[in-house]
C-alpha atoms as a PDB file:
ATOM      1  CA  SER A   1     273.364 -49.576  10.880  1.00  0.00           C
ATOM      2  CA  ALA A   2     271.111 -48.712   7.958  1.00  0.00           C
ATOM      3  CA  THR A   3     273.183 -50.858   5.598  1.00  0.00           C
ATOM      4  CA  LYS A   4     272.913 -53.895   7.858  1.00  0.00           C
ATOM      5  CA  GLN A   5     269.184 -53.266   8.319  1.00  0.00           C
ATOM      6  CA  GLY A   6     268.831 -53.226   4.532  1.00  0.00           C
ATOM      7  CA  THR A   7     270.859 -56.430   4.376  1.00  0.00           C
ATOM      8  CA  ARG A   8     268.447 -58.138   6.789  1.00  0.00           C
ATOM      9  CA  LYS A   9     265.448 -57.115   4.668  1.00  0.00           C
ATOM     10  CA  ASP A  10     267.144 -58.201   1.437  1.00  0.00           C
ATOM     11  CA  VAL A  11     268.066 -61.630   2.825  1.00  0.00           C
ATOM     12  CA  SER A  12     264.701 -62.225   4.520  1.00  0.00           C
ATOM     13  CA  ALA A  13     262.934 -61.494   1.232  1.00  0.00           C
ATOM     14  CA  LEU A  14     264.872 -64.347  -0.404  1.00  0.00           C
ATOM     15  CA  LEU A  15     265.302 -66.940   2.353  1.00  0.00           C
ATOM     16  CA  PRO A  16     263.117 -68.196   5.225  1.00  0.00           C
ATOM     17  CA  PRO A  17     263.877 -66.297   8.446  1.00  0.00           C
ATOM     18  CA  GLY A  18     266.092 -68.251  10.815  1.00  0.00           C
ATOM     19  CA  SER A  19     267.150 -70.782   8.202  1.00  0.00           C
ATOM     20  CA  VAL A  20     270.804 -71.798   8.121  1.00  0.00           C
ATOM     21  CA  LYS A  21     271.183 -70.219   4.675  1.00  0.00           C
ATOM     22  CA  SER A  22     269.716 -66.881   5.791  1.00  0.00           C
ATOM     23  CA  VAL A  23     271.877 -66.750   8.932  1.00  0.00           C
ATOM     24  CA  ALA A  24     275.034 -67.609   6.980  1.00  0.00           C
ATOM     25  CA  ALA A  25     274.180 -64.947   4.382  1.00  0.00           C
ATOM     26  CA  LEU A  26     273.663 -62.320   7.079  1.00  0.00           C
ATOM     27  CA  ALA A  27     276.827 -63.287   8.972  1.00  0.00           C
ATOM     28  CA  SER A  28     278.903 -63.080   5.786  1.00  0.00           C
ATOM     29  CA  ARG A  29     277.546 -59.555   5.254  1.00  0.00           C
ATOM     30  CA  GLY A  30     278.604 -58.343   8.695  1.00  0.00           C
ATOM     31  CA  VAL A  31     275.505 -58.983  10.784  1.00  0.00           C
ATOM     32  CA  CYS A  32     276.819 -60.287  14.092  1.00  0.00           C
ATOM     33  CA  ALA A  33     273.919 -59.674  16.478  1.00  0.00           C
ATOM     34  CA  PHE A  34     270.759 -61.747  16.398  1.00  0.00           C
ATOM     35  CA  ASP A  35     267.542 -61.726  18.436  1.00  0.00           C
ATOM     36  CA  VAL A  36     266.374 -65.308  18.063  1.00  0.00           C
ATOM     37  CA  ASP A  37     263.003 -66.857  18.906  1.00  0.00           C
ATOM     38  CA  VAL A  38     263.228 -70.575  19.662  1.00  0.00           C
ATOM     39  CA  PHE A  39     260.764 -73.296  20.555  1.00  0.00           C
ATOM     40  CA  SER A  40     260.912 -76.963  21.411  1.00  0.00           C
ATOM     41  CA  THR A  41     259.580 -79.575  19.005  1.00  0.00           C
ATOM     42  CA  ALA A  42     257.580 -82.635  20.067  1.00  0.00           C
ATOM     43  CA  ASP A  43     260.847 -84.604  20.117  1.00  0.00           C
ATOM     44  CA  ASN A  44     262.476 -81.983  22.402  1.00  0.00           C
ATOM     45  CA  VAL A  45     264.759 -80.337  19.848  1.00  0.00           C
ATOM     46  CA  LEU A  46     265.219 -76.570  20.173  1.00  0.00           C
ATOM     47  CA  VAL A  47     264.583 -74.958  16.791  1.00  0.00           C
ATOM     48  CA  VAL A  48     264.725 -71.387  15.547  1.00  0.00           C
ATOM     49  CA  GLY A  49     261.480 -69.592  14.852  1.00  0.00           C
ATOM     50  CA  HIS A  50     258.387 -68.146  16.445  1.00  0.00           C
ATOM     51  CA  PRO A  51     255.633 -70.777  16.672  1.00  0.00           C
ATOM     52  CA  ASP A  52     252.948 -68.404  15.341  1.00  0.00           C
ATOM     53  CA  GLU A  53     255.074 -67.365  12.359  1.00  0.00           C
ATOM     54  CA  VAL A  54     255.982 -70.987  11.587  1.00  0.00           C
ATOM     55  CA  ARG A  55     252.313 -72.004  11.830  1.00  0.00           C
ATOM     56  CA  ARG A  56     251.319 -69.277   9.331  1.00  0.00           C
ATOM     57  CA  ARG A  57     254.235 -69.865   6.959  1.00  0.00           C
ATOM     58  CA  LEU A  58     253.653 -73.617   6.793  1.00  0.00           C
ATOM     59  CA  HIS A  59     249.825 -73.366   6.895  1.00  0.00           C
ATOM     60  CA  LEU A  60     249.605 -75.644   9.929  1.00  0.00           C
ATOM     61  CA  ASN A  61     246.371 -76.388  11.767  1.00  0.00           C
ATOM     62  CA  ASP A  62     248.214 -77.470  14.920  1.00  0.00           C
ATOM     63  CA  ALA A  63     251.010 -75.733  16.773  1.00  0.00           C
ATOM     64  CA  PRO A  64     254.487 -76.475  15.396  1.00  0.00           C
ATOM     65  CA  THR A  65     255.454 -77.488  18.932  1.00  0.00           C
ATOM     66  CA  SER A  66     253.343 -80.632  18.384  1.00  0.00           C
ATOM     67  CA  LEU A  67     255.552 -81.717  15.451  1.00  0.00           C
ATOM     68  CA  THR A  68     258.952 -83.380  15.452  1.00  0.00           C
ATOM     69  CA  LEU A  69     261.985 -81.792  13.817  1.00  0.00           C
ATOM     70  CA  GLU A  70     261.667 -84.304  10.973  1.00  0.00           C
ATOM     71  CA  ASP A  71     257.981 -83.337  10.482  1.00  0.00           C
ATOM     72  CA  LEU A  72     258.825 -79.629  10.350  1.00  0.00           C
ATOM     73  CA  ARG A  73     261.655 -80.176   7.882  1.00  0.00           C
ATOM     74  CA  ARG A  74     259.445 -82.311   5.678  1.00  0.00           C
ATOM     75  CA  LYS A  75     256.855 -79.512   5.577  1.00  0.00           C
ATOM     76  CA  ASP A  76     259.321 -76.673   4.922  1.00  0.00           C
ATOM     77  CA  GLY A  77     261.767 -78.347   2.568  1.00  0.00           C
ATOM     78  CA  GLY A  78     264.447 -78.807   5.219  1.00  0.00           C
ATOM     79  CA  GLN A  79     264.686 -75.130   6.189  1.00  0.00           C
ATOM     80  CA  THR A  80     264.002 -75.493   9.941  1.00  0.00           C
ATOM     81  CA  ALA A  81     267.237 -74.844  11.826  1.00  0.00           C
ATOM     82  CA  THR A  82     268.161 -76.219  15.217  1.00  0.00           C
ATOM     83  CA  VAL A  83     269.762 -73.819  17.680  1.00  0.00           C
ATOM     84  CA  SER A  84     273.152 -75.520  17.249  1.00  0.00           C
ATOM     85  CA  GLU A  85     272.905 -75.243  13.432  1.00  0.00           C
ATOM     86  CA  PHE A  86     271.999 -71.555  13.797  1.00  0.00           C
ATOM     87  CA  ILE A  87     275.018 -70.886  16.029  1.00  0.00           C
ATOM     88  CA  GLU A  88     277.334 -72.775  13.670  1.00  0.00           C
ATOM     89  CA  ALA A  89     276.111 -70.698  10.709  1.00  0.00           C
ATOM     90  CA  ALA A  90     276.406 -67.398  12.578  1.00  0.00           C
ATOM     91  CA  LYS A  91     279.666 -67.872  14.482  1.00  0.00           C
ATOM     92  CA  ASP A  92     282.005 -66.731  11.715  1.00  0.00           C
ATOM     93  CA  CYS A  93     280.398 -63.328  11.249  1.00  0.00           C
ATOM     94  CA  LYS A  94     282.685 -60.792   9.638  1.00  0.00           C
ATOM     95  CA  ASP A  95     282.178 -57.177  10.538  1.00  0.00           C
ATOM     96  CA  SER A  96     284.229 -54.884   8.319  1.00  0.00           C
ATOM     97  CA  GLY A  97     283.274 -52.003  10.602  1.00  0.00           C
ATOM     98  CA  ALA A  98     284.325 -53.786  13.781  1.00  0.00           C
ATOM     99  CA  ASP A  99     286.405 -51.781  16.207  1.00  0.00           C
ATOM    100  CA  PRO A 100     289.853 -53.502  16.213  1.00  0.00           C
ATOM    101  CA  LYS A 101     290.121 -52.874  19.980  1.00  0.00           C
ATOM    102  CA  LEU A 102     286.900 -54.808  20.559  1.00  0.00           C
ATOM    103  CA  SER A 103     287.402 -57.560  17.989  1.00  0.00           C
ATOM    104  CA  GLY A 104     290.992 -58.435  18.849  1.00  0.00           C
ATOM    105  CA  GLY A 105     292.556 -56.533  15.958  1.00  0.00           C
ATOM    106  CA  GLY A 106     290.911 -58.298  13.031  1.00  0.00           C
ATOM    107  CA  SER A 107     287.701 -58.181  11.105  1.00  0.00           C
ATOM    108  CA  GLN A 108     286.236 -60.988  13.221  1.00  0.00           C
ATOM    109  CA  ALA A 109     283.480 -59.487  15.333  1.00  0.00           C
ATOM    110  CA  LYS A 110     281.967 -60.862  18.495  1.00  0.00           C
ATOM    111  CA  LEU A 111     278.809 -62.800  17.881  1.00  0.00           C
ATOM    112  CA  ARG A 112     275.925 -61.601  20.029  1.00  0.00           C
ATOM    113  CA  LEU A 113     272.864 -63.779  20.467  1.00  0.00           C
ATOM    114  CA  LEU A 114     269.685 -63.183  22.434  1.00  0.00           C
ATOM    115  CA  PHE A 115     267.522 -66.301  22.619  1.00  0.00           C
ATOM    116  CA  GLU A 116     263.879 -66.053  23.618  1.00  0.00           C
ATOM    117  CA  LEU A 117     262.155 -69.347  24.353  1.00  0.00           C
ATOM    118  CA  LYS A 118     258.603 -69.414  22.994  1.00  0.00           C
ATOM    119  CA  GLY A 119     255.848 -71.833  23.783  1.00  0.00           C
ATOM    120  CA  ASP A 120     252.648 -72.650  21.991  1.00  0.00           C
ATOM    121  CA  SER A 121     250.845 -69.304  22.232  1.00  0.00           C
ATOM    122  CA  ALA A 122     247.599 -70.912  21.115  1.00  0.00           C
ATOM    123  CA  THR A 123     247.518 -72.974  24.313  1.00  0.00           C
ATOM    124  CA  PRO A 124     247.246 -71.131  27.668  1.00  0.00           C
ATOM    125  CA  HIS A 125     250.095 -72.040  30.036  1.00  0.00           C
END
């Protein structure tokens, strides 16, 4: 809806996209569907974000896929979220407009996630 779209823009202006805080803020405002880019770090942890966007945001010379989770968090102040942290933050989404027939009679809506695995787009695969 237009209100939820506005909510996404408002939250993304204040918090890094895909961070646990931004996901929790969106979920608490009724956003229950997420299209999520993920990539694997050098230590094989799936994290939320598009490698190109992360590279630009953190001013990296190398692909973020070449860094460990700890390296990424050190560079972004701890904002990088793992996939499991993202799911945990999003799972309690509350949709005041949820159809009671679809949500089991309450305001709890069904969480919908679409994960898209990204690689290092700077390196041909």
